[in-house]
PDB file of N, CA and C in Angstrom:
ATOM      1  N   UNK A   1      85.946  77.209 112.613  1.00  0.00           N
ATOM      2  CA  UNK A   1      85.741  75.920 111.946  1.00  0.00           C
ATOM      3  C   UNK A   1      85.599  76.169 110.433  1.00  0.00           C
ATOM      4  N   UNK A   2      85.816  75.152 109.632  1.00  0.00           N
ATOM      5  CA  UNK A   2      85.679  75.335 108.198  1.00  0.00           C
ATOM      6  C   UNK A   2      84.273  75.748 107.729  1.00  0.00           C
ATOM      7  N   UNK A   3      83.275  75.419 108.511  1.00  0.00           N
ATOM      8  CA  UNK A   3      81.900  75.749 108.159  1.00  0.00           C
ATOM      9  C   UNK A   3      81.610  77.275 108.403  1.00  0.00           C
ATOM     10  N   UNK A   4      82.467  77.906 109.198  1.00  0.00           N
ATOM     11  CA  UNK A   4      82.337  79.320 109.476  1.00  0.00           C
ATOM     12  C   UNK A   4      83.274  80.157 108.613  1.00  0.00           C
ATOM     13  N   UNK A   5      84.015  79.589 107.737  1.00  0.00           N
ATOM     14  CA  UNK A   5      85.011  80.344 106.920  1.00  0.00           C
ATOM     15  C   UNK A   5      84.348  81.398 106.046  1.00  0.00           C
ATOM     16  N   UNK A   6      83.232  81.074 105.450  1.00  0.00           N
ATOM     17  CA  UNK A   6      82.531  82.079 104.613  1.00  0.00           C
ATOM     18  C   UNK A   6      82.005  83.261 105.453  1.00  0.00           C
ATOM     19  N   UNK A   7      81.470  82.958 106.643  1.00  0.00           N
ATOM     20  CA  UNK A   7      80.996  83.975 107.519  1.00  0.00           C
ATOM     21  C   UNK A   7      82.153  84.938 107.962  1.00  0.00           C
ATOM     22  N   UNK A   8      83.234  84.321 108.331  1.00  0.00           N
ATOM     23  CA  UNK A   8      84.418  85.115 108.724  1.00  0.00           C
ATOM     24  C   UNK A   8      84.972  85.965 107.573  1.00  0.00           C
ATOM     25  N   UNK A   9      85.007  85.379 106.434  1.00  0.00           N
ATOM     26  CA  UNK A   9      85.495  86.165 105.264  1.00  0.00           C
ATOM     27  C   UNK A   9      84.618  87.381 104.968  1.00  0.00           C
ATOM     28  N   UNK A  10      83.292  87.138 105.078  1.00  0.00           N
ATOM     29  CA  UNK A  10      82.333  88.269 104.836  1.00  0.00           C
ATOM     30  C   UNK A  10      82.482  89.323 105.887  1.00  0.00           C
ATOM     31  N   UNK A  11      82.703  88.915 107.116  1.00  0.00           N
ATOM     32  CA  UNK A  11      82.873  89.855 108.212  1.00  0.00           C
ATOM     33  C   UNK A  11      84.158  90.701 108.059  1.00  0.00           C
ATOM     34  N   UNK A  12      85.180  89.997 107.646  1.00  0.00           N
ATOM     35  CA  UNK A  12      86.513  90.722 107.390  1.00  0.00           C
ATOM     36  C   UNK A  12      86.319  91.736 106.259  1.00  0.00           C
ATOM     37  N   UNK A  13      85.694  91.321 105.140  1.00  0.00           N
ATOM     38  CA  UNK A  13      85.523  92.184 104.023  1.00  0.00           C
ATOM     39  C   UNK A  13      84.622  93.397 104.352  1.00  0.00           C
ATOM     40  N   UNK A  14      83.561  93.135 105.136  1.00  0.00           N
ATOM     41  CA  UNK A  14      82.658  94.242 105.527  1.00  0.00           C
ATOM     42  C   UNK A  14      83.342  95.219 106.438  1.00  0.00           C
ATOM     43  N   UNK A  15      84.153  94.672 107.358  1.00  0.00           N
ATOM     44  CA  UNK A  15      84.927  95.542 108.252  1.00  0.00           C
ATOM     45  C   UNK A  15      85.911  96.424 107.477  1.00  0.00           C
ATOM     46  N   UNK A  16      86.548  95.880 106.481  1.00  0.00           N
ATOM     47  CA  UNK A  16      87.464  96.644 105.661  1.00  0.00           C
ATOM     48  C   UNK A  16      86.742  97.799 104.940  1.00  0.00           C
ATOM     49  N   UNK A  17      85.572  97.475 104.367  1.00  0.00           N
ATOM     50  CA  UNK A  17      84.803  98.529 103.632  1.00  0.00           C
ATOM     51  C   UNK A  17      84.315  99.592 104.567  1.00  0.00           C
ATOM     52  N   UNK A  18      83.788  99.210 105.692  1.00  0.00           N
ATOM     53  CA  UNK A  18      83.293 100.190 106.638  1.00  0.00           C
ATOM     54  C   UNK A  18      84.496 101.016 107.185  1.00  0.00           C
ATOM     55  N   UNK A  19      85.591 100.358 107.537  1.00  0.00           N
ATOM     56  CA  UNK A  19      86.749 101.116 108.021  1.00  0.00           C
ATOM     57  C   UNK A  19      87.299 102.101 107.005  1.00  0.00           C
ATOM     58  N   UNK A  20      87.322 101.684 105.745  1.00  0.00           N
ATOM     59  CA  UNK A  20      87.777 102.611 104.686  1.00  0.00           C
ATOM     60  C   UNK A  20      86.854 103.793 104.477  1.00  0.00           C
ATOM     61  N   UNK A  21      85.541 103.516 104.559  1.00  0.00           N
ATOM     62  CA  UNK A  21      84.608 104.610 104.417  1.00  0.00           C
ATOM     63  C   UNK A  21      84.710 105.578 105.634  1.00  0.00           C
ATOM     64  N   UNK A  22      84.864 105.065 106.812  1.00  0.00           N
ATOM     65  CA  UNK A  22      84.964 105.961 108.018  1.00  0.00           C
ATOM     66  C   UNK A  22      86.252 106.744 107.899  1.00  0.00           C
ATOM     67  N   UNK A  23      87.370 106.093 107.493  1.00  0.00           N
ATOM     68  CA  UNK A  23      88.621 106.790 107.393  1.00  0.00           C
ATOM     69  C   UNK A  23      88.544 107.897 106.373  1.00  0.00           C
ATOM     70  N   UNK A  24      87.972 107.630 105.239  1.00  0.00           N
ATOM     71  CA  UNK A  24      87.834 108.650 104.177  1.00  0.00           C
ATOM     72  C   UNK A  24      86.971 109.796 104.628  1.00  0.00           C
ATOM     73  N   UNK A  25      85.891 109.478 105.378  1.00  0.00           N
ATOM     74  CA  UNK A  25      85.058 110.525 105.917  1.00  0.00           C
ATOM     75  C   UNK A  25      85.777 111.438 106.897  1.00  0.00           C
ATOM     76  N   UNK A  26      86.577 110.809 107.733  1.00  0.00           N
ATOM     77  CA  UNK A  26      87.367 111.555 108.769  1.00  0.00           C
ATOM     78  C   UNK A  26      88.410 112.450 108.033  1.00  0.00           C
ATOM     79  N   UNK A  27      89.081 111.900 107.023  1.00  0.00           N
ATOM     80  CA  UNK A  27      90.014 112.728 106.297  1.00  0.00           C
ATOM     81  C   UNK A  27      89.335 113.847 105.583  1.00  0.00           C
ATOM     82  N   UNK A  28      88.197 113.654 104.981  1.00  0.00           N
ATOM     83  CA  UNK A  28      87.473 114.688 104.278  1.00  0.00           C
ATOM     84  C   UNK A  28      87.028 115.809 105.276  1.00  0.00           C
ATOM     85  N   UNK A  29      86.599 115.384 106.470  1.00  0.00           N
ATOM     86  CA  UNK A  29      86.188 116.348 107.477  1.00  0.00           C
ATOM     87  C   UNK A  29      87.406 117.209 108.003  1.00  0.00           C
ATOM     88  N   UNK A  30      88.522 116.554 108.239  1.00  0.00           N
ATOM     89  CA  UNK A  30      89.701 117.294 108.675  1.00  0.00           C
ATOM     90  C   UNK A  30      90.149 118.265 107.570  1.00  0.00           C
ATOM     91  N   UNK A  31      90.155 117.775 106.332  1.00  0.00           N
ATOM     92  CA  UNK A  31      90.597 118.651 105.204  1.00  0.00           C
ATOM     93  C   UNK A  31      89.669 119.836 105.068  1.00  0.00           C
ATOM     94  N   UNK A  32      88.364 119.624 105.166  1.00  0.00           N
ATOM     95  CA  UNK A  32      87.424 120.719 105.023  1.00  0.00           C
ATOM     96  C   UNK A  32      87.502 121.694 106.130  1.00  0.00           C
ATOM     97  N   UNK A  33      87.645 121.179 107.347  1.00  0.00           N
ATOM     98  CA  UNK A  33      87.725 122.121 108.513  1.00  0.00           C
ATOM     99  C   UNK A  33      89.058 123.005 108.428  1.00  0.00           C
ATOM    100  N   UNK A  34      90.140 122.345 108.111  1.00  0.00           N
ATOM    101  CA  UNK A  34      91.365 123.080 107.922  1.00  0.00           C
ATOM    102  C   UNK A  34      91.297 124.105 106.787  1.00  0.00           C
ATOM    103  N   UNK A  35      90.793 123.668 105.665  1.00  0.00           N
ATOM    104  CA  UNK A  35      90.652 124.558 104.531  1.00  0.00           C
ATOM    105  C   UNK A  35      89.799 125.761 104.810  1.00  0.00           C
ATOM    106  N   UNK A  36      88.672 125.563 105.529  1.00  0.00           N
ATOM    107  CA  UNK A  36      87.821 126.688 105.882  1.00  0.00           C
ATOM    108  C   UNK A  36      88.502 127.621 106.866  1.00  0.00           C
ATOM    109  N   UNK A  37      89.279 127.021 107.805  1.00  0.00           N
ATOM    110  CA  UNK A  37      89.992 127.910 108.740  1.00  0.00           C
ATOM    111  C   UNK A  37      91.090 128.686 108.022  1.00  0.00           C
ATOM    112  N   UNK A  38      91.761 128.103 107.102  1.00  0.00           N
ATOM    113  CA  UNK A  38      92.775 128.876 106.324  1.00  0.00           C
ATOM    114  C   UNK A  38      92.129 129.916 105.473  1.00  0.00           C
ATOM    115  N   UNK A  39      90.999 129.607 104.863  1.00  0.00           N
ATOM    116  CA  UNK A  39      90.316 130.574 103.996  1.00  0.00           C
ATOM    117  C   UNK A  39      89.825 131.769 104.935  1.00  0.00           C
ATOM    118  N   UNK A  40      89.322 131.470 106.056  1.00  0.00           N
ATOM    119  CA  UNK A  40      88.819 132.530 106.956  1.00  0.00           C
ATOM    120  C   UNK A  40      89.973 133.370 107.479  1.00  0.00           C
ATOM    121  N   UNK A  41      91.192 132.813 107.499  1.00  0.00           N
ATOM    122  CA  UNK A  41      92.382 133.594 107.898  1.00  0.00           C
ATOM    123  C   UNK A  41      92.939 134.428 106.790  1.00  0.00           C
ATOM    124  N   UNK A  42      92.389 134.297 105.585  1.00  0.00           N
ATOM    125  CA  UNK A  42      92.824 135.119 104.451  1.00  0.00           C
ATOM    126  C   UNK A  42      93.609 134.419 103.429  1.00  0.00           C
ATOM    127  N   UNK A  43      93.781 133.113 103.474  1.00  0.00           N
ATOM    128  CA  UNK A  43      94.484 132.398 102.461  1.00  0.00           C
ATOM    129  C   UNK A  43      93.615 132.257 101.182  1.00  0.00           C
ATOM    130  N   UNK A  44      94.299 132.223 100.061  1.00  0.00           N
ATOM    131  CA  UNK A  44      93.501 132.095  98.776  1.00  0.00           C
ATOM    132  C   UNK A  44      92.979 130.684  98.698  1.00  0.00           C
ATOM    133  N   UNK A  45      92.152 130.427  97.721  1.00  0.00           N
ATOM    134  CA  UNK A  45      91.386 129.112  97.643  1.00  0.00           C
ATOM    135  C   UNK A  45      92.405 127.997  97.471  1.00  0.00           C
ATOM    136  N   UNK A  46      93.375 128.084  96.600  1.00  0.00           N
ATOM    137  CA  UNK A  46      94.356 127.046  96.313  1.00  0.00           C
ATOM    138  C   UNK A  46      95.150 126.717  97.583  1.00  0.00           C
ATOM    139  N   UNK A  47      95.611 127.747  98.325  1.00  0.00           N
ATOM    140  CA  UNK A  47      96.407 127.500  99.472  1.00  0.00           C
ATOM    141  C   UNK A  47      95.525 126.859 100.579  1.00  0.00           C
ATOM    142  N   UNK A  48      94.274 127.281 100.683  1.00  0.00           N
ATOM    143  CA  UNK A  48      93.426 126.671 101.731  1.00  0.00           C
ATOM    144  C   UNK A  48      93.142 125.226 101.375  1.00  0.00           C
ATOM    145  N   UNK A  49      92.839 124.919 100.108  1.00  0.00           N
ATOM    146  CA  UNK A  49      92.630 123.532  99.733  1.00  0.00           C
ATOM    147  C   UNK A  49      93.897 122.683  99.898  1.00  0.00           C
ATOM    148  N   UNK A  50      95.030 123.172  99.555  1.00  0.00           N
ATOM    149  CA  UNK A  50      96.255 122.442  99.706  1.00  0.00           C
ATOM    150  C   UNK A  50      96.580 122.219 101.241  1.00  0.00           C
ATOM    151  N   UNK A  51      96.379 123.243 102.012  1.00  0.00           N
ATOM    152  CA  UNK A  51      96.606 123.133 103.470  1.00  0.00           C
ATOM    153  C   UNK A  51      95.709 122.081 104.123  1.00  0.00           C
ATOM    154  N   UNK A  52      94.459 122.053 103.743  1.00  0.00           N
ATOM    155  CA  UNK A  52      93.499 121.097 104.251  1.00  0.00           C
ATOM    156  C   UNK A  52      93.854 119.677 103.856  1.00  0.00           C
ATOM    157  N   UNK A  53      94.190 119.538 102.600  1.00  0.00           N
ATOM    158  CA  UNK A  53      94.573 118.184 102.115  1.00  0.00           C
ATOM    159  C   UNK A  53      95.902 117.679 102.756  1.00  0.00           C
ATOM    160  N   UNK A  54      96.815 118.615 102.920  1.00  0.00           N
ATOM    161  CA  UNK A  54      98.049 118.230 103.551  1.00  0.00           C
ATOM    162  C   UNK A  54      97.862 117.723 104.991  1.00  0.00           C
ATOM    163  N   UNK A  55      97.027 118.455 105.725  1.00  0.00           N
ATOM    164  CA  UNK A  55      96.788 118.047 107.103  1.00  0.00           C
ATOM    165  C   UNK A  55      96.082 116.644 107.115  1.00  0.00           C
ATOM    166  N   UNK A  56      95.148 116.431 106.244  1.00  0.00           N
ATOM    167  CA  UNK A  56      94.383 115.144 106.214  1.00  0.00           C
ATOM    168  C   UNK A  56      95.396 114.033 105.854  1.00  0.00           C
ATOM    169  N   UNK A  57      96.291 114.252 104.921  1.00  0.00           N
ATOM    170  CA  UNK A  57      97.234 113.221 104.593  1.00  0.00           C
ATOM    171  C   UNK A  57      98.252 112.929 105.679  1.00  0.00           C
ATOM    172  N   UNK A  58      98.634 113.999 106.409  1.00  0.00           N
ATOM    173  CA  UNK A  58      99.521 113.836 107.531  1.00  0.00           C
ATOM    174  C   UNK A  58      98.868 113.032 108.653  1.00  0.00           C
ATOM    175  N   UNK A  59      97.583 113.304 108.869  1.00  0.00           N
ATOM    176  CA  UNK A  59      96.852 112.552 109.872  1.00  0.00           C
ATOM    177  C   UNK A  59      96.750 111.074 109.469  1.00  0.00           C
ATOM    178  N   UNK A  60      96.502 110.790 108.217  1.00  0.00           N
ATOM    179  CA  UNK A  60      96.360 109.412 107.695  1.00  0.00           C
ATOM    180  C   UNK A  60      97.722 108.714 107.869  1.00  0.00           C
ATOM    181  N   UNK A  61      98.843 109.424 107.552  1.00  0.00           N
ATOM    182  CA  UNK A  61     100.151 108.803 107.676  1.00  0.00           C
ATOM    183  C   UNK A  61     100.489 108.496 109.182  1.00  0.00           C
ATOM    184  N   UNK A  62     100.122 109.394 110.071  1.00  0.00           N
ATOM    185  CA  UNK A  62     100.283 109.166 111.484  1.00  0.00           C
ATOM    186  C   UNK A  62      99.500 107.943 111.952  1.00  0.00           C
ATOM    187  N   UNK A  63      98.305 107.803 111.487  1.00  0.00           N
ATOM    188  CA  UNK A  63      97.468 106.664 111.823  1.00  0.00           C
ATOM    189  C   UNK A  63      98.005 105.337 111.326  1.00  0.00           C
ATOM    190  N   UNK A  64      98.555 105.409 110.062  1.00  0.00           N
ATOM    191  CA  UNK A  64      99.205 104.201 109.510  1.00  0.00           C
ATOM    192  C   UNK A  64     100.427 103.803 110.369  1.00  0.00           C
ATOM    193  N   UNK A  65     101.229 104.782 110.741  1.00  0.00           N
ATOM    194  CA  UNK A  65     102.381 104.520 111.596  1.00  0.00           C
ATOM    195  C   UNK A  65     101.972 103.954 112.942  1.00  0.00           C
ATOM    196  N   UNK A  66     100.929 104.512 113.523  1.00  0.00           N
ATOM    197  CA  UNK A  66     100.418 103.974 114.797  1.00  0.00           C
ATOM    198  C   UNK A  66      99.959 102.575 114.642  1.00  0.00           C
ATOM    199  N   UNK A  67      99.251 102.236 113.543  1.00  0.00           N
ATOM    200  CA  UNK A  67      98.743 100.905 113.273  1.00  0.00           C
ATOM    201  C   UNK A  67      99.933  99.908 113.121  1.00  0.00           C
ATOM    202  N   UNK A  68     101.031 100.344 112.473  1.00  0.00           N
ATOM    203  CA  UNK A  68     102.173  99.478 112.260  1.00  0.00           C
ATOM    204  C   UNK A  68     102.856  99.228 113.599  1.00  0.00           C
ATOM    205  N   UNK A  69     103.004 100.262 114.459  1.00  0.00           N
ATOM    206  CA  UNK A  69     103.550 100.013 115.744  1.00  0.00           C
ATOM    207  C   UNK A  69     102.682  99.141 116.638  1.00  0.00           C
ATOM    208  N   UNK A  70     101.386  99.314 116.588  1.00  0.00           N
ATOM    209  CA  UNK A  70     100.503  98.437 117.353  1.00  0.00           C
ATOM    210  C   UNK A  70     100.566  97.024 116.868  1.00  0.00           C
ATOM    211  N   UNK A  71     100.619  96.853 115.547  1.00  0.00           N
ATOM    212  CA  UNK A  71     100.663  95.491 114.986  1.00  0.00           C
ATOM    213  C   UNK A  71     101.963  94.799 115.314  1.00  0.00           C
ATOM    214  N   UNK A  72     103.041  95.586 115.256  1.00  0.00           N
ATOM    215  CA  UNK A  72     104.360  94.881 115.528  1.00  0.00           C
ATOM    216  C   UNK A  72     104.560  94.568 117.030  1.00  0.00           C
ATOM    217  N   UNK A  73     103.892  95.313 117.906  1.00  0.00           N
ATOM    218  CA  UNK A  73     104.032  94.984 119.343  1.00  0.00           C
ATOM    219  C   UNK A  73     102.980  94.052 119.838  1.00  0.00           C
ATOM    220  N   UNK A  74     101.780  94.075 119.280  1.00  0.00           N
ATOM    221  CA  UNK A  74     100.670  93.216 119.807  1.00  0.00           C
ATOM    222  C   UNK A  74     100.690  91.864 119.161  1.00  0.00           C
ATOM    223  N   UNK A  75     100.789  91.827 117.811  1.00  0.00           N
ATOM    224  CA  UNK A  75     100.741  90.510 117.130  1.00  0.00           C
ATOM    225  C   UNK A  75     102.063  89.790 117.261  1.00  0.00           C
ATOM    226  N   UNK A  76     101.970  88.530 117.336  1.00  0.00           N
ATOM    227  CA  UNK A  76     103.165  87.702 117.424  1.00  0.00           C
ATOM    228  C   UNK A  76     103.358  86.987 116.065  1.00  0.00           C
ATOM    229  N   UNK A  77     104.595  86.798 115.699  1.00  0.00           N
ATOM    230  CA  UNK A  77     104.911  86.177 114.409  1.00  0.00           C
ATOM    231  C   UNK A  77     105.235  84.741 114.566  1.00  0.00           C
ATOM    232  N   UNK A  78     104.634  84.042 115.524  1.00  0.00           N
ATOM    233  CA  UNK A  78     104.938  82.593 115.723  1.00  0.00           C
ATOM    234  C   UNK A  78     104.163  81.826 114.657  1.00  0.00           C
ATOM    235  N   UNK A  79     104.887  81.059 113.911  1.00  0.00           N
ATOM    236  CA  UNK A  79     104.286  80.165 112.901  1.00  0.00           C
ATOM    237  C   UNK A  79     104.779  78.747 113.118  1.00  0.00           C
ATOM    238  N   UNK A  80     103.954  77.825 113.018  1.00  0.00           N
ATOM    239  CA  UNK A  80     104.422  76.409 113.159  1.00  0.00           C
ATOM    240  C   UNK A  80     105.286  76.067 111.959  1.00  0.00           C
ATOM    241  N   UNK A  81     106.333  75.357 112.225  1.00  0.00           N
ATOM    242  CA  UNK A  81     107.268  74.941 111.171  1.00  0.00           C
ATOM    243  C   UNK A  81     106.609  73.926 110.347  1.00  0.00           C
ATOM    244  N   UNK A  82     106.667  74.058 109.027  1.00  0.00           N
ATOM    245  CA  UNK A  82     106.128  73.089 108.096  1.00  0.00           C
ATOM    246  C   UNK A  82     107.156  71.985 107.939  1.00  0.00           C
ATOM    247  N   UNK A  83     106.771  70.816 107.940  1.00  0.00           N
ATOM    248  CA  UNK A  83     107.680  69.693 107.733  1.00  0.00           C
ATOM    249  C   UNK A  83     107.359  69.013 106.469  1.00  0.00           C
ATOM    250  N   UNK A  84     108.357  68.357 105.903  1.00  0.00           N
ATOM    251  CA  UNK A  84     108.099  67.580 104.684  1.00  0.00           C
ATOM    252  C   UNK A  84     107.306  66.332 104.999  1.00  0.00           C
ATOM    253  N   UNK A  85     106.476  65.980 104.102  1.00  0.00           N
ATOM    254  CA  UNK A  85     105.698  64.752 104.258  1.00  0.00           C
ATOM    255  C   UNK A  85     106.598  63.553 104.318  1.00  0.00           C
ATOM    256  N   UNK A  86     106.172  62.573 105.035  1.00  0.00           N
ATOM    257  CA  UNK A  86     106.992  61.370 105.073  1.00  0.00           C
ATOM    258  C   UNK A  86     106.627  60.358 104.027  1.00  0.00           C
ATOM    259  N   UNK A  87     105.676  60.748 103.196  1.00  0.00           N
ATOM    260  CA  UNK A  87     105.262  59.848 102.125  1.00  0.00           C
ATOM    261  C   UNK A  87     106.245  59.849 100.976  1.00  0.00           C
ATOM    262  N   UNK A  88     106.263  58.816 100.125  1.00  0.00           N
ATOM    263  CA  UNK A  88     107.137  58.885  98.960  1.00  0.00           C
ATOM    264  C   UNK A  88     106.745  60.049  98.090  1.00  0.00           C
ATOM    265  N   UNK A  89     107.720  60.533  97.316  1.00  0.00           N
ATOM    266  CA  UNK A  89     107.460  61.681  96.449  1.00  0.00           C
ATOM    267  C   UNK A  89     106.348  61.497  95.448  1.00  0.00           C
ATOM    268  N   UNK A  90     106.218  60.314  94.974  1.00  0.00           N
ATOM    269  CA  UNK A  90     105.188  60.128  93.934  1.00  0.00           C
ATOM    270  C   UNK A  90     103.790  60.234  94.431  1.00  0.00           C
ATOM    271  N   UNK A  91     103.577  60.110  95.788  1.00  0.00           N
ATOM    272  CA  UNK A  91     102.232  60.207  96.349  1.00  0.00           C
ATOM    273  C   UNK A  91     101.801  61.612  96.725  1.00  0.00           C
ATOM    274  N   UNK A  92     102.796  62.544  96.763  1.00  0.00           N
ATOM    275  CA  UNK A  92     102.501  63.931  97.087  1.00  0.00           C
ATOM    276  C   UNK A  92     101.930  64.664  95.910  1.00  0.00           C
ATOM    277  N   UNK A  93     101.268  65.714  96.255  1.00  0.00           N
ATOM    278  CA  UNK A  93     100.694  66.565  95.174  1.00  0.00           C
ATOM    279  C   UNK A  93     101.759  67.380  94.457  1.00  0.00           C
ATOM    280  N   UNK A  94     101.664  67.660  93.189  1.00  0.00           N
ATOM    281  CA  UNK A  94     102.634  68.468  92.505  1.00  0.00           C
ATOM    282  C   UNK A  94     102.678  69.850  93.141  1.00  0.00           C
ATOM    283  N   UNK A  95     103.805  70.397  93.286  1.00  0.00           N
ATOM    284  CA  UNK A  95     104.030  71.688  93.894  1.00  0.00           C
ATOM    285  C   UNK A  95     104.141  71.711  95.348  1.00  0.00           C
ATOM    286  N   UNK A  96     104.044  70.587  96.010  1.00  0.00           N
ATOM    287  CA  UNK A  96     104.122  70.522  97.459  1.00  0.00           C
ATOM    288  C   UNK A  96     105.494  71.035  97.959  1.00  0.00           C
ATOM    289  N   UNK A  97     106.589  70.655  97.281  1.00  0.00           N
ATOM    290  CA  UNK A  97     107.835  71.073  97.721  1.00  0.00           C
ATOM    291  C   UNK A  97     108.040  72.566  97.552  1.00  0.00           C
ATOM    292  N   UNK A  98     107.387  73.194  96.568  1.00  0.00           N
ATOM    293  CA  UNK A  98     107.540  74.638  96.431  1.00  0.00           C
ATOM    294  C   UNK A  98     106.907  75.338  97.563  1.00  0.00           C
ATOM    295  N   UNK A  99     105.740  74.877  98.045  1.00  0.00           N
ATOM    296  CA  UNK A  99     105.080  75.525  99.196  1.00  0.00           C
ATOM    297  C   UNK A  99     105.856  75.312 100.488  1.00  0.00           C
ATOM    298  N   UNK A 100     106.396  74.150 100.642  1.00  0.00           N
ATOM    299  CA  UNK A 100     107.184  73.897 101.883  1.00  0.00           C
ATOM    300  C   UNK A 100     108.462  74.732 101.863  1.00  0.00           C
ATOM    301  N   UNK A 101     109.176  74.775 100.737  1.00  0.00           N
ATOM    302  CA  UNK A 101     110.470  75.450 100.634  1.00  0.00           C
ATOM    303  C   UNK A 101     110.239  76.987 100.789  1.00  0.00           C
ATOM    304  N   UNK A 102     109.127  77.476 100.312  1.00  0.00           N
ATOM    305  CA  UNK A 102     108.821  78.928 100.393  1.00  0.00           C
ATOM    306  C   UNK A 102     108.673  79.365 101.813  1.00  0.00           C
ATOM    307  N   UNK A 103     108.210  78.535 102.651  1.00  0.00           N
ATOM    308  CA  UNK A 103     107.937  78.893 104.085  1.00  0.00           C
ATOM    309  C   UNK A 103     109.213  78.947 104.742  1.00  0.00           C
TER     310      UNK A 103
END
């Protein structure tokens, strides 16, 4: 309902912030673990750091692709068709035709 719009907006924004923080924490953990493993295997510091970062970015890219596949298969793109108002042009708000034509 319109009265819950503010609550829904706040929930969406909070979810984005928490999701981003958790994603960044997971990427940092993966990068650190991989870097330490490479360093323990004898790689120099720069190679270990690069290897850890590369793995973290590859993981993030895989998760983005997974999210795109999930979104394209789960979500539907059904949108109701917008119709032009039946009122005379002078009674419509300015810019109405632009919004309708853009859809």
